[in-house]
Amino acid sequence: MKITVCELPDRRKSFDTAWVDLVEHVRGENSDLVVLPDMPFSAWFAGSDRFDRSVWAAAVHAHDEWEHRLREMSPAIVLASRPVDFGNERYDEGFLWEEPLGLLSVHAKSFLPDTKGAREGSWYDSATAEFIPLEVRGLRIAMLIGSEMWAPRGYDAETVDVLAIPRAGDMVEQGDCIERACSLAQRTHAFAVSSNRSGTFGGRAWIISPEGQVLGTTSADQPFLSMEVALHATPGECRHFDVFAH
């Protein structure tokens, strides 16, 4: 299985250009699974603590409009998150996309930060904390969205294959995010894969083994990273990955 992570720009014009490059990379690498940043299809709006309904509606619309573009990465599975309305409530919902099923909800964000640049609680609701992996193509896929890396609850009791972490910046005051991701990979026996927005948001997407080893990261010069791994069943239902190539 080949996994692709990336760092993508926040500015929309730059994003459109980067998207074309990412699609070309995914096709060239024959990727099986692609992780995108948190709510990638709109500029980051949750830096303000003042909710603006028109901005929210535009972000929801943008993600709806971009949904059909995900098939440009087919047959890869695509993981990311999107803003959604649910009755009178609003959420940051993690999703999985694949053909022919389309969008599947994986997880709604439950741990919302209230820090400079991330006033998320002003924009959407905290979902009920549910951490149930989704099984697709024989893979057990779980998701934590951004700051949920630091939440007190998670997938500790679950054995999953892939832990996807879409991000939109990092909570640097909490500590080193890669160290935290390494710990989560070990605790969940999962391959931790994360993508982020670039520039002032910090970039640095990563792929981490279930043993907590950093296998690769992106940079401003190399914003896409693909690695081929093989999943093996082991006694007691514990599974792990071997890395074959970058």
C-alpha atoms as a PDB file:
ATOM      1  CA  MET A   1       0.000   0.000   0.000  1.00  0.00           C
ATOM      2  CA  LYS A   2       1.310   3.439  -0.891  1.00  0.00           C
ATOM      3  CA  ILE A   3       0.399   6.398   1.342  1.00  0.00           C
ATOM      4  CA  THR A   4       0.696  10.069   0.364  1.00  0.00           C
ATOM      5  CA  VAL A   5       0.750  13.050   2.741  1.00  0.00           C
ATOM      6  CA  CYS A   6       1.144  16.701   1.840  1.00  0.00           C
ATOM      7  CA  GLU A   7       1.367  20.316   2.921  1.00  0.00           C
ATOM      8  CA  LEU A   8      -0.897  22.652   0.948  1.00  0.00           C
ATOM      9  CA  PRO A   9      -1.118  26.470   0.877  1.00  0.00           C
ATOM     10  CA  ASP A  10      -3.936  28.406   2.488  1.00  0.00           C
ATOM     11  CA  ARG A  11      -4.201  31.056  -0.249  1.00  0.00           C
ATOM     12  CA  ARG A  12      -6.754  29.853  -2.775  1.00  0.00           C
ATOM     13  CA  LYS A  13      -4.874  30.734  -5.948  1.00  0.00           C
ATOM     14  CA  SER A  14      -1.780  28.966  -4.673  1.00  0.00           C
ATOM     15  CA  PHE A  15      -3.926  26.063  -3.499  1.00  0.00           C
ATOM     16  CA  ASP A  16      -5.405  25.563  -6.965  1.00  0.00           C
ATOM     17  CA  THR A  17      -1.919  25.303  -8.449  1.00  0.00           C
ATOM     18  CA  ALA A  18      -0.725  22.977  -5.680  1.00  0.00           C
ATOM     19  CA  TRP A  19      -3.782  20.753  -6.174  1.00  0.00           C
ATOM     20  CA  VAL A  20      -2.857  20.123  -9.815  1.00  0.00           C
ATOM     21  CA  ASP A  21       0.674  19.233  -8.725  1.00  0.00           C
ATOM     22  CA  LEU A  22      -0.621  16.935  -5.972  1.00  0.00           C
ATOM     23  CA  VAL A  23      -2.933  15.077  -8.342  1.00  0.00           C
ATOM     24  CA  GLU A  24      -0.032  14.564 -10.735  1.00  0.00           C
ATOM     25  CA  HIS A  25       2.105  13.283  -7.852  1.00  0.00           C
ATOM     26  CA  VAL A  26      -0.609  10.887  -6.627  1.00  0.00           C
ATOM     27  CA  ARG A  27      -1.133   9.483 -10.107  1.00  0.00           C
ATOM     28  CA  GLY A  28       2.571   9.172 -10.733  1.00  0.00           C
ATOM     29  CA  GLU A  29       3.086   7.336  -7.452  1.00  0.00           C
ATOM     30  CA  ASN A  30      -0.048   5.155  -7.869  1.00  0.00           C
ATOM     31  CA  SER A  31      -1.018   6.075  -4.332  1.00  0.00           C
ATOM     32  CA  ASP A  32      -3.578   3.950  -2.496  1.00  0.00           C
ATOM     33  CA  LEU A  33      -4.352   6.391   0.319  1.00  0.00           C
ATOM     34  CA  VAL A  34      -4.044  10.195   0.410  1.00  0.00           C
ATOM     35  CA  VAL A  35      -4.365  12.420   3.485  1.00  0.00           C
ATOM     36  CA  LEU A  36      -5.293  16.093   3.026  1.00  0.00           C
ATOM     37  CA  PRO A  37      -5.198  18.891   5.645  1.00  0.00           C
ATOM     38  CA  ASP A  38      -8.080  19.896   7.918  1.00  0.00           C
ATOM     39  CA  MET A  39     -10.894  21.512   5.862  1.00  0.00           C
ATOM     40  CA  PRO A  40      -8.571  22.010   2.868  1.00  0.00           C
ATOM     41  CA  PHE A  41     -11.008  23.463   0.337  1.00  0.00           C
ATOM     42  CA  SER A  42     -11.446  26.895   1.892  1.00  0.00           C
ATOM     43  CA  ALA A  43      -9.129  29.471   3.400  1.00  0.00           C
ATOM     44  CA  TRP A  44      -8.749  29.070   7.167  1.00  0.00           C
ATOM     45  CA  PHE A  45     -11.549  31.047   8.799  1.00  0.00           C
ATOM     46  CA  ALA A  46     -11.380  29.940  12.443  1.00  0.00           C
ATOM     47  CA  GLY A  47      -8.593  32.350  13.349  1.00  0.00           C
ATOM     48  CA  SER A  48     -11.223  34.892  14.358  1.00  0.00           C
ATOM     49  CA  ASP A  49     -13.341  34.539  17.484  1.00  0.00           C
ATOM     50  CA  ARG A  50     -16.298  36.242  15.768  1.00  0.00           C
ATOM     51  CA  PHE A  51     -18.594  33.866  13.938  1.00  0.00           C
ATOM     52  CA  ASP A  52     -19.652  35.047  10.479  1.00  0.00           C
ATOM     53  CA  ARG A  53     -22.484  33.027   8.978  1.00  0.00           C
ATOM     54  CA  SER A  54     -21.677  34.082   5.424  1.00  0.00           C
ATOM     55  CA  VAL A  55     -18.047  32.950   5.799  1.00  0.00           C
ATOM     56  CA  TRP A  56     -19.180  29.634   7.230  1.00  0.00           C
ATOM     57  CA  ALA A  57     -21.715  29.113   4.433  1.00  0.00           C
ATOM     58  CA  ALA A  58     -19.050  29.891   1.833  1.00  0.00           C
ATOM     59  CA  ALA A  59     -16.714  27.307   3.372  1.00  0.00           C
ATOM     60  CA  VAL A  60     -19.438  24.650   3.390  1.00  0.00           C
ATOM     61  CA  HIS A  61     -20.264  25.470  -0.235  1.00  0.00           C
ATOM     62  CA  ALA A  62     -16.610  25.325  -1.281  1.00  0.00           C
ATOM     63  CA  HIS A  63     -16.184  21.850   0.181  1.00  0.00           C
ATOM     64  CA  ASP A  64     -19.392  20.679  -1.502  1.00  0.00           C
ATOM     65  CA  GLU A  65     -18.140  22.053  -4.833  1.00  0.00           C
ATOM     66  CA  TRP A  66     -14.729  20.394  -4.481  1.00  0.00           C
ATOM     67  CA  GLU A  67     -16.155  16.967  -3.652  1.00  0.00           C
ATOM     68  CA  HIS A  68     -16.273  15.958  -7.318  1.00  0.00           C
ATOM     69  CA  ARG A  69     -12.581  16.860  -7.673  1.00  0.00           C
ATOM     70  CA  LEU A  70     -11.651  14.058  -5.279  1.00  0.00           C
ATOM     71  CA  ARG A  71     -12.184  11.529  -8.044  1.00  0.00           C
ATOM     72  CA  GLU A  72      -9.124  13.010  -9.725  1.00  0.00           C
ATOM     73  CA  MET A  73      -7.189  10.947  -7.175  1.00  0.00           C
ATOM     74  CA  SER A  74      -9.121   7.730  -7.806  1.00  0.00           C
ATOM     75  CA  PRO A  75      -8.581   4.867  -7.206  1.00  0.00           C
ATOM     76  CA  ALA A  76      -6.903   6.183  -4.036  1.00  0.00           C
ATOM     77  CA  ILE A  77      -8.798   6.531  -0.762  1.00  0.00           C
ATOM     78  CA  VAL A  78      -8.826  10.200   0.300  1.00  0.00           C
ATOM     79  CA  LEU A  79      -9.018  11.343   3.936  1.00  0.00           C
ATOM     80  CA  ALA A  80      -9.667  14.906   5.121  1.00  0.00           C
ATOM     81  CA  SER A  81     -12.293  16.945   6.972  1.00  0.00           C
ATOM     82  CA  ARG A  82     -14.999  19.420   6.010  1.00  0.00           C
ATOM     83  CA  PRO A  83     -17.372  21.936   7.622  1.00  0.00           C
ATOM     84  CA  VAL A  84     -20.935  20.588   7.838  1.00  0.00           C
ATOM     85  CA  ASP A  85     -24.331  21.770   9.035  1.00  0.00           C
ATOM     86  CA  PHE A  86     -26.386  19.300  11.049  1.00  0.00           C
ATOM     87  CA  GLY A  87     -29.721  20.891  11.889  1.00  0.00           C
ATOM     88  CA  ASN A  88     -28.891  23.937  14.010  1.00  0.00           C
ATOM     89  CA  GLU A  89     -25.439  22.644  14.811  1.00  0.00           C
ATOM     90  CA  ARG A  90     -22.145  22.972  12.940  1.00  0.00           C
ATOM     91  CA  TYR A  91     -19.248  20.518  12.945  1.00  0.00           C
ATOM     92  CA  ASP A  92     -15.775  19.857  11.585  1.00  0.00           C
ATOM     93  CA  GLU A  93     -16.391  16.377  10.170  1.00  0.00           C
ATOM     94  CA  GLY A  94     -13.665  13.980   9.155  1.00  0.00           C
ATOM     95  CA  PHE A  95     -14.454  12.031   6.012  1.00  0.00           C
ATOM     96  CA  LEU A  96     -13.202   9.231   3.824  1.00  0.00           C
ATOM     97  CA  TRP A  97     -13.808   9.276   0.086  1.00  0.00           C
ATOM     98  CA  GLU A  98     -13.481   6.392  -2.351  1.00  0.00           C
ATOM     99  CA  GLU A  99     -15.126   5.259  -5.542  1.00  0.00           C
ATOM    100  CA  PRO A 100     -17.805   4.127  -5.941  1.00  0.00           C
ATOM    101  CA  LEU A 101     -19.078   4.816  -2.400  1.00  0.00           C
ATOM    102  CA  GLY A 102     -18.289   8.527  -2.331  1.00  0.00           C
ATOM    103  CA  LEU A 103     -18.051  10.364   1.010  1.00  0.00           C
ATOM    104  CA  LEU A 104     -18.226   8.443   4.278  1.00  0.00           C
ATOM    105  CA  SER A 105     -18.192  10.140   7.667  1.00  0.00           C
ATOM    106  CA  VAL A 106     -15.327   8.917   9.842  1.00  0.00           C
ATOM    107  CA  HIS A 107     -15.313  11.181  12.874  1.00  0.00           C
ATOM    108  CA  ALA A 108     -16.507  14.643  13.983  1.00  0.00           C
ATOM    109  CA  LYS A 109     -14.095  16.835  15.935  1.00  0.00           C
ATOM    110  CA  SER A 110     -14.776  16.842  19.658  1.00  0.00           C
ATOM    111  CA  PHE A 111     -11.765  18.658  21.147  1.00  0.00           C
ATOM    112  CA  LEU A 112     -11.839  22.319  20.074  1.00  0.00           C
ATOM    113  CA  PRO A 113      -8.997  24.688  20.924  1.00  0.00           C
ATOM    114  CA  ASP A 114      -9.403  28.314  21.934  1.00  0.00           C
ATOM    115  CA  THR A 115      -5.970  29.716  21.168  1.00  0.00           C
ATOM    116  CA  LYS A 116      -4.541  32.411  18.924  1.00  0.00           C
ATOM    117  CA  GLY A 117      -5.233  31.429  15.340  1.00  0.00           C
ATOM    118  CA  ALA A 118      -7.621  28.637  16.324  1.00  0.00           C
ATOM    119  CA  ARG A 119     -10.866  29.960  17.826  1.00  0.00           C
ATOM    120  CA  GLU A 120     -12.714  26.910  16.619  1.00  0.00           C
ATOM    121  CA  GLY A 121     -15.293  26.871  19.390  1.00  0.00           C
ATOM    122  CA  SER A 122     -16.651  30.146  18.024  1.00  0.00           C
ATOM    123  CA  TRP A 123     -17.340  28.543  14.653  1.00  0.00           C
ATOM    124  CA  TYR A 124     -18.555  25.012  15.239  1.00  0.00           C
ATOM    125  CA  ASP A 125     -19.751  22.671  17.944  1.00  0.00           C
ATOM    126  CA  SER A 126     -17.845  20.058  19.875  1.00  0.00           C
ATOM    127  CA  ALA A 127     -19.122  16.661  18.801  1.00  0.00           C
ATOM    128  CA  THR A 128     -19.703  13.746  21.137  1.00  0.00           C
ATOM    129  CA  ALA A 129     -16.325  12.056  21.588  1.00  0.00           C
ATOM    130  CA  GLU A 130     -16.610   8.851  19.553  1.00  0.00           C
ATOM    131  CA  PHE A 131     -13.544   6.975  18.405  1.00  0.00           C
ATOM    132  CA  ILE A 132     -14.673   4.070  16.243  1.00  0.00           C
ATOM    133  CA  PRO A 133     -12.471   2.971  13.315  1.00  0.00           C
ATOM    134  CA  LEU A 134     -14.009   2.614   9.868  1.00  0.00           C
ATOM    135  CA  GLU A 135     -13.119  -0.485   7.875  1.00  0.00           C
ATOM    136  CA  VAL A 136     -12.547   0.032   4.154  1.00  0.00           C
ATOM    137  CA  ARG A 137     -10.788  -2.358   1.754  1.00  0.00           C
ATOM    138  CA  GLY A 138      -9.748  -4.491   4.716  1.00  0.00           C
ATOM    139  CA  LEU A 139      -8.101  -1.524   6.471  1.00  0.00           C
ATOM    140  CA  ARG A 140      -9.215  -0.220   9.860  1.00  0.00           C
ATOM    141  CA  ILE A 141      -8.931   3.550   9.502  1.00  0.00           C
ATOM    142  CA  ALA A 142      -9.208   6.009  12.385  1.00  0.00           C
ATOM    143  CA  MET A 143      -8.967   9.789  12.499  1.00  0.00           C
ATOM    144  CA  LEU A 144      -8.023  12.562  14.890  1.00  0.00           C
ATOM    145  CA  ILE A 145      -8.511  16.107  13.614  1.00  0.00           C
ATOM    146  CA  GLY A 146      -5.783  18.599  14.491  1.00  0.00           C
ATOM    147  CA  SER A 147      -5.852  19.447  18.196  1.00  0.00           C
ATOM    148  CA  GLU A 148      -7.518  16.117  19.017  1.00  0.00           C
ATOM    149  CA  MET A 149      -3.967  14.793  19.121  1.00  0.00           C
ATOM    150  CA  TRP A 150      -3.869  16.343  22.589  1.00  0.00           C
ATOM    151  CA  ALA A 151      -7.311  15.207  23.753  1.00  0.00           C
ATOM    152  CA  PRO A 152      -7.465  13.042  26.889  1.00  0.00           C
ATOM    153  CA  ARG A 153      -9.458  10.375  25.033  1.00  0.00           C
ATOM    154  CA  GLY A 154      -8.674   8.593  21.808  1.00  0.00           C
ATOM    155  CA  TYR A 155      -8.226   5.189  20.201  1.00  0.00           C
ATOM    156  CA  ASP A 156      -6.167   3.731  23.062  1.00  0.00           C
ATOM    157  CA  ALA A 157      -8.286   0.611  23.343  1.00  0.00           C
ATOM    158  CA  GLU A 158      -8.554   0.035  19.597  1.00  0.00           C
ATOM    159  CA  THR A 159      -6.207  -1.687  17.213  1.00  0.00           C
ATOM    160  CA  VAL A 160      -6.241   0.234  13.949  1.00  0.00           C
ATOM    161  CA  ASP A 161      -4.121   0.134  10.829  1.00  0.00           C
ATOM    162  CA  VAL A 162      -4.029   3.789   9.833  1.00  0.00           C
ATOM    163  CA  LEU A 163      -4.459   6.819  12.100  1.00  0.00           C
ATOM    164  CA  ALA A 164      -5.033   9.874   9.889  1.00  0.00           C
ATOM    165  CA  ILE A 165      -4.471  13.346  11.373  1.00  0.00           C
ATOM    166  CA  PRO A 166      -5.591  16.232   9.126  1.00  0.00           C
ATOM    167  CA  ARG A 167      -4.193  19.507  10.531  1.00  0.00           C
ATOM    168  CA  ALA A 168      -4.548  23.266  10.048  1.00  0.00           C
ATOM    169  CA  GLY A 169      -1.580  24.488  12.052  1.00  0.00           C
ATOM    170  CA  ASP A 170      -0.165  23.111  15.290  1.00  0.00           C
ATOM    171  CA  MET A 171      -0.750  23.879  18.969  1.00  0.00           C
ATOM    172  CA  VAL A 172       2.895  24.626  19.687  1.00  0.00           C
ATOM    173  CA  GLU A 173       2.161  25.554  23.284  1.00  0.00           C
ATOM    174  CA  GLN A 174       1.186  21.918  23.878  1.00  0.00           C
ATOM    175  CA  GLY A 175       4.566  20.585  22.815  1.00  0.00           C
ATOM    176  CA  ASP A 176       6.154  18.878  19.836  1.00  0.00           C
ATOM    177  CA  CYS A 177       3.442  17.499  17.566  1.00  0.00           C
ATOM    178  CA  ILE A 178       5.634  14.866  15.954  1.00  0.00           C
ATOM    179  CA  GLU A 179       6.632  13.491  19.361  1.00  0.00           C
ATOM    180  CA  ARG A 180       2.944  13.332  20.260  1.00  0.00           C
ATOM    181  CA  ALA A 181       2.111  11.589  16.985  1.00  0.00           C
ATOM    182  CA  CYS A 182       4.865   9.022  17.602  1.00  0.00           C
ATOM    183  CA  SER A 183       3.323   8.278  20.980  1.00  0.00           C
ATOM    184  CA  LEU A 184      -0.153   7.932  19.460  1.00  0.00           C
ATOM    185  CA  ALA A 185       1.167   5.577  16.772  1.00  0.00           C
ATOM    186  CA  GLN A 186       2.642   3.314  19.431  1.00  0.00           C
ATOM    187  CA  ARG A 187      -0.460   3.394  21.618  1.00  0.00           C
ATOM    188  CA  THR A 188      -2.833   2.575  18.774  1.00  0.00           C
ATOM    189  CA  HIS A 189      -0.484   0.152  16.971  1.00  0.00           C
ATOM    190  CA  ALA A 190      -1.203   2.264  13.882  1.00  0.00           C
ATOM    191  CA  PHE A 191       0.599   3.935  11.076  1.00  0.00           C
ATOM    192  CA  ALA A 192       0.164   7.686  11.871  1.00  0.00           C
ATOM    193  CA  VAL A 193      -0.141   9.874   8.771  1.00  0.00           C
ATOM    194  CA  SER A 194      -0.747  13.605   8.814  1.00  0.00           C
ATOM    195  CA  SER A 195      -1.059  16.522   6.382  1.00  0.00           C
ATOM    196  CA  ASN A 196      -1.086  20.232   7.148  1.00  0.00           C
ATOM    197  CA  ARG A 197      -1.409  23.677   5.622  1.00  0.00           C
ATOM    198  CA  SER A 198       1.910  25.182   4.645  1.00  0.00           C
ATOM    199  CA  GLY A 199       3.563  28.566   5.238  1.00  0.00           C
ATOM    200  CA  THR A 200       2.626  30.224   8.527  1.00  0.00           C
ATOM    201  CA  PHE A 201       0.588  27.155   9.477  1.00  0.00           C
ATOM    202  CA  GLY A 202       3.801  25.177   9.845  1.00  0.00           C
ATOM    203  CA  GLY A 203       3.577  22.592   7.077  1.00  0.00           C
ATOM    204  CA  ARG A 204       5.511  19.418   7.925  1.00  0.00           C
ATOM    205  CA  ALA A 205       3.308  16.502   6.982  1.00  0.00           C
ATOM    206  CA  TRP A 206       4.570  13.171   8.263  1.00  0.00           C
ATOM    207  CA  ILE A 207       4.439   9.394   8.077  1.00  0.00           C
ATOM    208  CA  ILE A 208       5.185   7.504  11.304  1.00  0.00           C
ATOM    209  CA  SER A 209       5.444   3.745  11.846  1.00  0.00           C
ATOM    210  CA  PRO A 210       3.431   1.848  14.487  1.00  0.00           C
ATOM    211  CA  GLU A 211       6.699   1.558  16.412  1.00  0.00           C
ATOM    212  CA  GLY A 212       6.808   5.356  16.689  1.00  0.00           C
ATOM    213  CA  GLN A 213       9.580   5.900  14.136  1.00  0.00           C
ATOM    214  CA  VAL A 214       9.388   8.979  11.883  1.00  0.00           C
ATOM    215  CA  LEU A 215       9.765   7.590   8.381  1.00  0.00           C
ATOM    216  CA  GLY A 216       9.484  10.847   6.489  1.00  0.00           C
ATOM    217  CA  THR A 217       8.294  14.463   6.567  1.00  0.00           C
ATOM    218  CA  THR A 218       7.504  17.093   3.965  1.00  0.00           C
ATOM    219  CA  SER A 219       9.054  20.538   3.605  1.00  0.00           C
ATOM    220  CA  ALA A 220       8.432  23.756   1.689  1.00  0.00           C
ATOM    221  CA  ASP A 221      10.739  22.434  -1.049  1.00  0.00           C
ATOM    222  CA  GLN A 222       9.175  18.957  -1.056  1.00  0.00           C
ATOM    223  CA  PRO A 223       5.503  19.407  -0.112  1.00  0.00           C
ATOM    224  CA  PHE A 224       4.424  15.860  -1.047  1.00  0.00           C
ATOM    225  CA  LEU A 225       5.615  12.589   0.450  1.00  0.00           C
ATOM    226  CA  SER A 226       4.672   9.073  -0.678  1.00  0.00           C
ATOM    227  CA  MET A 227       5.840   5.834   0.912  1.00  0.00           C
ATOM    228  CA  GLU A 228       5.014   2.251   0.069  1.00  0.00           C
ATOM    229  CA  VAL A 229       4.285  -0.040   2.993  1.00  0.00           C
ATOM    230  CA  ALA A 230       3.081  -3.620   3.418  1.00  0.00           C
ATOM    231  CA  LEU A 231       0.543  -4.637   6.027  1.00  0.00           C
ATOM    232  CA  HIS A 232       1.014  -7.993   7.720  1.00  0.00           C
ATOM    233  CA  ALA A 233      -1.250  -9.906  10.061  1.00  0.00           C
ATOM    234  CA  THR A 234       0.466 -11.087  13.230  1.00  0.00           C
ATOM    235  CA  PRO A 235      -0.710 -13.325  16.099  1.00  0.00           C
ATOM    236  CA  GLY A 236      -3.299 -11.792  18.386  1.00  0.00           C
ATOM    237  CA  GLU A 237      -4.770  -9.589  15.620  1.00  0.00           C
ATOM    238  CA  CYS A 238      -1.958  -7.037  15.968  1.00  0.00           C
ATOM    239  CA  ARG A 239      -0.809  -5.762  12.582  1.00  0.00           C
ATOM    240  CA  HIS A 240       2.194  -3.748  11.499  1.00  0.00           C
ATOM    241  CA  PHE A 241       3.768  -2.130   8.445  1.00  0.00           C
ATOM    242  CA  ASP A 242       7.096  -2.690   6.746  1.00  0.00           C
ATOM    243  CA  VAL A 243       8.444   0.172   4.706  1.00  0.00           C
ATOM    244  CA  PHE A 244       9.633  -0.773   1.216  1.00  0.00           C
ATOM    245  CA  ALA A 245      10.403   2.512  -0.489  1.00  0.00           C
ATOM    246  CA  HIS A 246      10.131   6.289  -0.439  1.00  0.00           C
END
